[in-house]
Amino acid sequence: MERVCMKCGGGLSKGQRKFCSPKCSDAYWKGKYLELNPFKGKTSATTGAISELRACVDLLAKGYDVFRALSPNCPCDLAVLKDNKLLRIEVRTGHVSTSGKLYRTKGKGDEINNIDIYAWVLPDRIIYEPELE
């Protein structure tokens, strides 16, 4: 029985497990993510903006002063101030698989930008990593 690529149906070479190329792998997983996206039909920029605004509301409710980046090229999405402590927050839209596993990805430049906290925005909650004090 010939094994085939999960995306295009092409044959797999020895050593290839599910996909015939990185391009097929990326396309497959992007499609899976879009199926789970709570904001179906919205662009990634709109989804990101919604997540950032939800994080802002949550942080304001927790007593933080919240500052939002004006440029999409800023090293973080939000800065928050509480008790004279300033933290840089990167907001990401996450999702939970049907098995309950939280899927989240960090960006390539996050280590360079010294992100203090990630805000993983899910349809029903926001998870801060590390947790807020």
C-alpha atoms as a PDB file:
ATOM      1  CA  MET A   1       0.000   0.000   0.000  1.00  0.00           C
ATOM      2  CA  GLU A   2       1.473   3.332  -1.091  1.00  0.00           C
ATOM      3  CA  ARG A   3       1.503   6.085   1.490  1.00  0.00           C
ATOM      4  CA  VAL A   4       0.256   9.453   0.306  1.00  0.00           C
ATOM      5  CA  CYS A   5       0.636  13.089   1.357  1.00  0.00           C
ATOM      6  CA  MET A   6      -2.167  14.220   3.675  1.00  0.00           C
ATOM      7  CA  LYS A   7      -2.505  17.496   1.757  1.00  0.00           C
ATOM      8  CA  CYS A   8      -2.075  16.823  -1.971  1.00  0.00           C
ATOM      9  CA  GLY A   9      -2.387  13.046  -2.188  1.00  0.00           C
ATOM     10  CA  GLY A  10       1.022  12.688  -3.842  1.00  0.00           C
ATOM     11  CA  GLY A  11       3.280   9.764  -3.019  1.00  0.00           C
ATOM     12  CA  LEU A  12       5.644   9.932  -0.059  1.00  0.00           C
ATOM     13  CA  SER A  13       9.338   9.152  -0.327  1.00  0.00           C
ATOM     14  CA  LYS A  14      11.189   7.076   2.225  1.00  0.00           C
ATOM     15  CA  GLY A  15      11.550   9.111   5.413  1.00  0.00           C
ATOM     16  CA  GLN A  16       8.523  11.298   4.719  1.00  0.00           C
ATOM     17  CA  ARG A  17       5.803  10.602   7.252  1.00  0.00           C
ATOM     18  CA  LYS A  18       2.699  12.619   6.420  1.00  0.00           C
ATOM     19  CA  PHE A  19       3.556  15.275   3.837  1.00  0.00           C
ATOM     20  CA  CYS A  20       5.541  15.348   0.629  1.00  0.00           C
ATOM     21  CA  SER A  21       6.976  18.822   1.313  1.00  0.00           C
ATOM     22  CA  PRO A  22       7.125  21.599   3.895  1.00  0.00           C
ATOM     23  CA  LYS A  23       4.768  23.590   1.649  1.00  0.00           C
ATOM     24  CA  CYS A  24       2.100  20.848   1.886  1.00  0.00           C
ATOM     25  CA  SER A  25       2.640  20.558   5.643  1.00  0.00           C
ATOM     26  CA  ASP A  26       2.239  24.316   6.159  1.00  0.00           C
ATOM     27  CA  ALA A  27      -0.889  24.450   3.968  1.00  0.00           C
ATOM     28  CA  TYR A  28      -2.463  21.486   5.776  1.00  0.00           C
ATOM     29  CA  TRP A  29      -1.915  22.899   9.275  1.00  0.00           C
ATOM     30  CA  LYS A  30      -2.977  26.400   8.239  1.00  0.00           C
ATOM     31  CA  GLY A  31      -6.241  24.892   6.982  1.00  0.00           C
ATOM     32  CA  LYS A  32      -6.720  22.984  10.244  1.00  0.00           C
ATOM     33  CA  TYR A  33      -6.147  26.166  12.227  1.00  0.00           C
ATOM     34  CA  LEU A  34      -8.673  28.054  10.102  1.00  0.00           C
ATOM     35  CA  GLU A  35     -11.267  25.360  10.860  1.00  0.00           C
ATOM     36  CA  LEU A  36     -10.805  26.038  14.584  1.00  0.00           C
ATOM     37  CA  ASN A  37     -10.643  29.825  14.262  1.00  0.00           C
ATOM     38  CA  PRO A  38     -13.465  31.352  16.313  1.00  0.00           C
ATOM     39  CA  PHE A  39     -13.491  34.342  13.953  1.00  0.00           C
ATOM     40  CA  LYS A  40     -14.120  32.476  10.699  1.00  0.00           C
ATOM     41  CA  GLY A  41     -14.161  34.689   7.649  1.00  0.00           C
ATOM     42  CA  LYS A  42     -12.050  37.383   9.321  1.00  0.00           C
ATOM     43  CA  THR A  43      -8.543  38.212   8.189  1.00  0.00           C
ATOM     44  CA  SER A  44      -5.628  37.373  10.472  1.00  0.00           C
ATOM     45  CA  ALA A  45      -5.150  41.113  11.084  1.00  0.00           C
ATOM     46  CA  THR A  46      -8.770  41.479  12.216  1.00  0.00           C
ATOM     47  CA  THR A  47      -8.507  38.361  14.382  1.00  0.00           C
ATOM     48  CA  GLY A  48      -5.347  39.780  15.971  1.00  0.00           C
ATOM     49  CA  ALA A  49      -7.016  43.132  16.619  1.00  0.00           C
ATOM     50  CA  ILE A  50      -9.994  41.423  18.271  1.00  0.00           C
ATOM     51  CA  SER A  51      -7.644  39.410  20.496  1.00  0.00           C
ATOM     52  CA  GLU A  52      -5.650  42.507  21.461  1.00  0.00           C
ATOM     53  CA  LEU A  53      -8.804  44.414  22.382  1.00  0.00           C
ATOM     54  CA  ARG A  54     -10.133  41.494  24.439  1.00  0.00           C
ATOM     55  CA  ALA A  55      -6.793  41.361  26.295  1.00  0.00           C
ATOM     56  CA  CYS A  56      -6.970  45.133  26.895  1.00  0.00           C
ATOM     57  CA  VAL A  57     -10.432  44.856  28.467  1.00  0.00           C
ATOM     58  CA  ASP A  58      -9.334  41.940  30.644  1.00  0.00           C
ATOM     59  CA  LEU A  59      -6.188  43.735  31.821  1.00  0.00           C
ATOM     60  CA  LEU A  60      -8.095  46.959  32.553  1.00  0.00           C
ATOM     61  CA  ALA A  61     -10.586  44.947  34.619  1.00  0.00           C
ATOM     62  CA  LYS A  62      -7.640  43.477  36.559  1.00  0.00           C
ATOM     63  CA  GLY A  63      -6.454  46.986  37.483  1.00  0.00           C
ATOM     64  CA  TYR A  64      -3.641  47.513  34.968  1.00  0.00           C
ATOM     65  CA  ASP A  65      -3.036  50.707  33.017  1.00  0.00           C
ATOM     66  CA  VAL A  66      -2.872  49.501  29.406  1.00  0.00           C
ATOM     67  CA  PHE A  67      -0.971  51.046  26.513  1.00  0.00           C
ATOM     68  CA  ARG A  68      -1.478  49.724  22.988  1.00  0.00           C
ATOM     69  CA  ALA A  69       1.112  49.807  20.200  1.00  0.00           C
ATOM     70  CA  LEU A  70       0.253  52.121  17.313  1.00  0.00           C
ATOM     71  CA  SER A  71       2.538  50.458  14.777  1.00  0.00           C
ATOM     72  CA  PRO A  72       2.301  46.815  13.686  1.00  0.00           C
ATOM     73  CA  ASN A  73       6.127  46.759  13.830  1.00  0.00           C
ATOM     74  CA  CYS A  74       6.428  47.449  17.562  1.00  0.00           C
ATOM     75  CA  PRO A  75       8.350  44.877  19.618  1.00  0.00           C
ATOM     76  CA  CYS A  76       5.230  44.072  21.690  1.00  0.00           C
ATOM     77  CA  ASP A  77       1.471  44.495  21.373  1.00  0.00           C
ATOM     78  CA  LEU A  78       0.723  46.001  24.770  1.00  0.00           C
ATOM     79  CA  ALA A  79       2.531  47.606  27.665  1.00  0.00           C
ATOM     80  CA  VAL A  80       0.901  47.506  31.073  1.00  0.00           C
ATOM     81  CA  LEU A  81       1.681  49.420  34.214  1.00  0.00           C
ATOM     82  CA  LYS A  82       0.718  48.426  37.737  1.00  0.00           C
ATOM     83  CA  ASP A  83       2.391  49.374  41.004  1.00  0.00           C
ATOM     84  CA  ASN A  84       5.112  51.244  39.062  1.00  0.00           C
ATOM     85  CA  LYS A  85       6.086  48.062  37.198  1.00  0.00           C
ATOM     86  CA  LEU A  86       6.031  48.114  33.387  1.00  0.00           C
ATOM     87  CA  LEU A  87       5.531  44.835  31.485  1.00  0.00           C
ATOM     88  CA  ARG A  88       5.635  44.077  27.744  1.00  0.00           C
ATOM     89  CA  ILE A  89       2.831  41.799  26.585  1.00  0.00           C
ATOM     90  CA  GLU A  90       2.577  39.872  23.337  1.00  0.00           C
ATOM     91  CA  VAL A  91      -1.005  38.924  22.486  1.00  0.00           C
ATOM     92  CA  ARG A  92      -1.610  35.747  20.528  1.00  0.00           C
ATOM     93  CA  THR A  93      -4.805  34.079  19.405  1.00  0.00           C
ATOM     94  CA  GLY A  94      -4.721  30.486  20.573  1.00  0.00           C
ATOM     95  CA  HIS A  95      -7.124  27.626  20.154  1.00  0.00           C
ATOM     96  CA  VAL A  96      -7.961  24.376  21.857  1.00  0.00           C
ATOM     97  CA  SER A  97      -8.060  21.160  19.861  1.00  0.00           C
ATOM     98  CA  THR A  98     -10.968  18.746  20.084  1.00  0.00           C
ATOM     99  CA  SER A  99      -8.849  16.718  22.531  1.00  0.00           C
ATOM    100  CA  GLY A 100      -8.496  19.741  24.813  1.00  0.00           C
ATOM    101  CA  LYS A 101      -4.842  20.543  24.026  1.00  0.00           C
ATOM    102  CA  LEU A 102      -3.972  24.248  23.970  1.00  0.00           C
ATOM    103  CA  TYR A 103      -2.226  25.242  20.742  1.00  0.00           C
ATOM    104  CA  ARG A 104      -0.059  28.315  20.889  1.00  0.00           C
ATOM    105  CA  THR A 105       2.907  29.539  18.912  1.00  0.00           C
ATOM    106  CA  LYS A 106       5.593  32.034  19.758  1.00  0.00           C
ATOM    107  CA  GLY A 107       7.005  34.336  17.118  1.00  0.00           C
ATOM    108  CA  LYS A 108      10.528  34.238  15.730  1.00  0.00           C
ATOM    109  CA  GLY A 109      11.459  37.644  17.162  1.00  0.00           C
ATOM    110  CA  ASP A 110       9.973  37.218  20.625  1.00  0.00           C
ATOM    111  CA  GLU A 111      13.266  36.380  22.352  1.00  0.00           C
ATOM    112  CA  ILE A 112      14.923  39.427  20.799  1.00  0.00           C
ATOM    113  CA  ASN A 113      12.081  41.681  21.934  1.00  0.00           C
ATOM    114  CA  ASN A 114      12.242  40.433  25.535  1.00  0.00           C
ATOM    115  CA  ILE A 115       8.542  39.738  25.926  1.00  0.00           C
ATOM    116  CA  ASP A 116       7.586  39.651  29.618  1.00  0.00           C
ATOM    117  CA  ILE A 117       4.168  38.011  29.327  1.00  0.00           C
ATOM    118  CA  TYR A 118       2.156  36.229  26.666  1.00  0.00           C
ATOM    119  CA  ALA A 119      -1.603  36.652  26.555  1.00  0.00           C
ATOM    120  CA  TRP A 120      -3.108  33.599  24.823  1.00  0.00           C
ATOM    121  CA  VAL A 121      -6.613  34.666  23.814  1.00  0.00           C
ATOM    122  CA  LEU A 122      -9.056  31.774  23.473  1.00  0.00           C
ATOM    123  CA  PRO A 123     -12.764  31.928  22.635  1.00  0.00           C
ATOM    124  CA  ASP A 124     -13.768  31.521  26.289  1.00  0.00           C
ATOM    125  CA  ARG A 125     -10.795  32.814  28.291  1.00  0.00           C
ATOM    126  CA  ILE A 126      -7.381  34.466  28.299  1.00  0.00           C
ATOM    127  CA  ILE A 127      -4.345  32.642  29.639  1.00  0.00           C
ATOM    128  CA  TYR A 128      -1.336  34.689  30.760  1.00  0.00           C
ATOM    129  CA  GLU A 129       2.067  33.026  30.649  1.00  0.00           C
ATOM    130  CA  PRO A 130       3.625  33.481  33.088  1.00  0.00           C
ATOM    131  CA  GLU A 131       0.588  34.222  35.211  1.00  0.00           C
ATOM    132  CA  LEU A 132      -0.057  37.808  36.190  1.00  0.00           C
ATOM    133  CA  GLU A 133       0.627  38.759  39.806  1.00  0.00           C
END
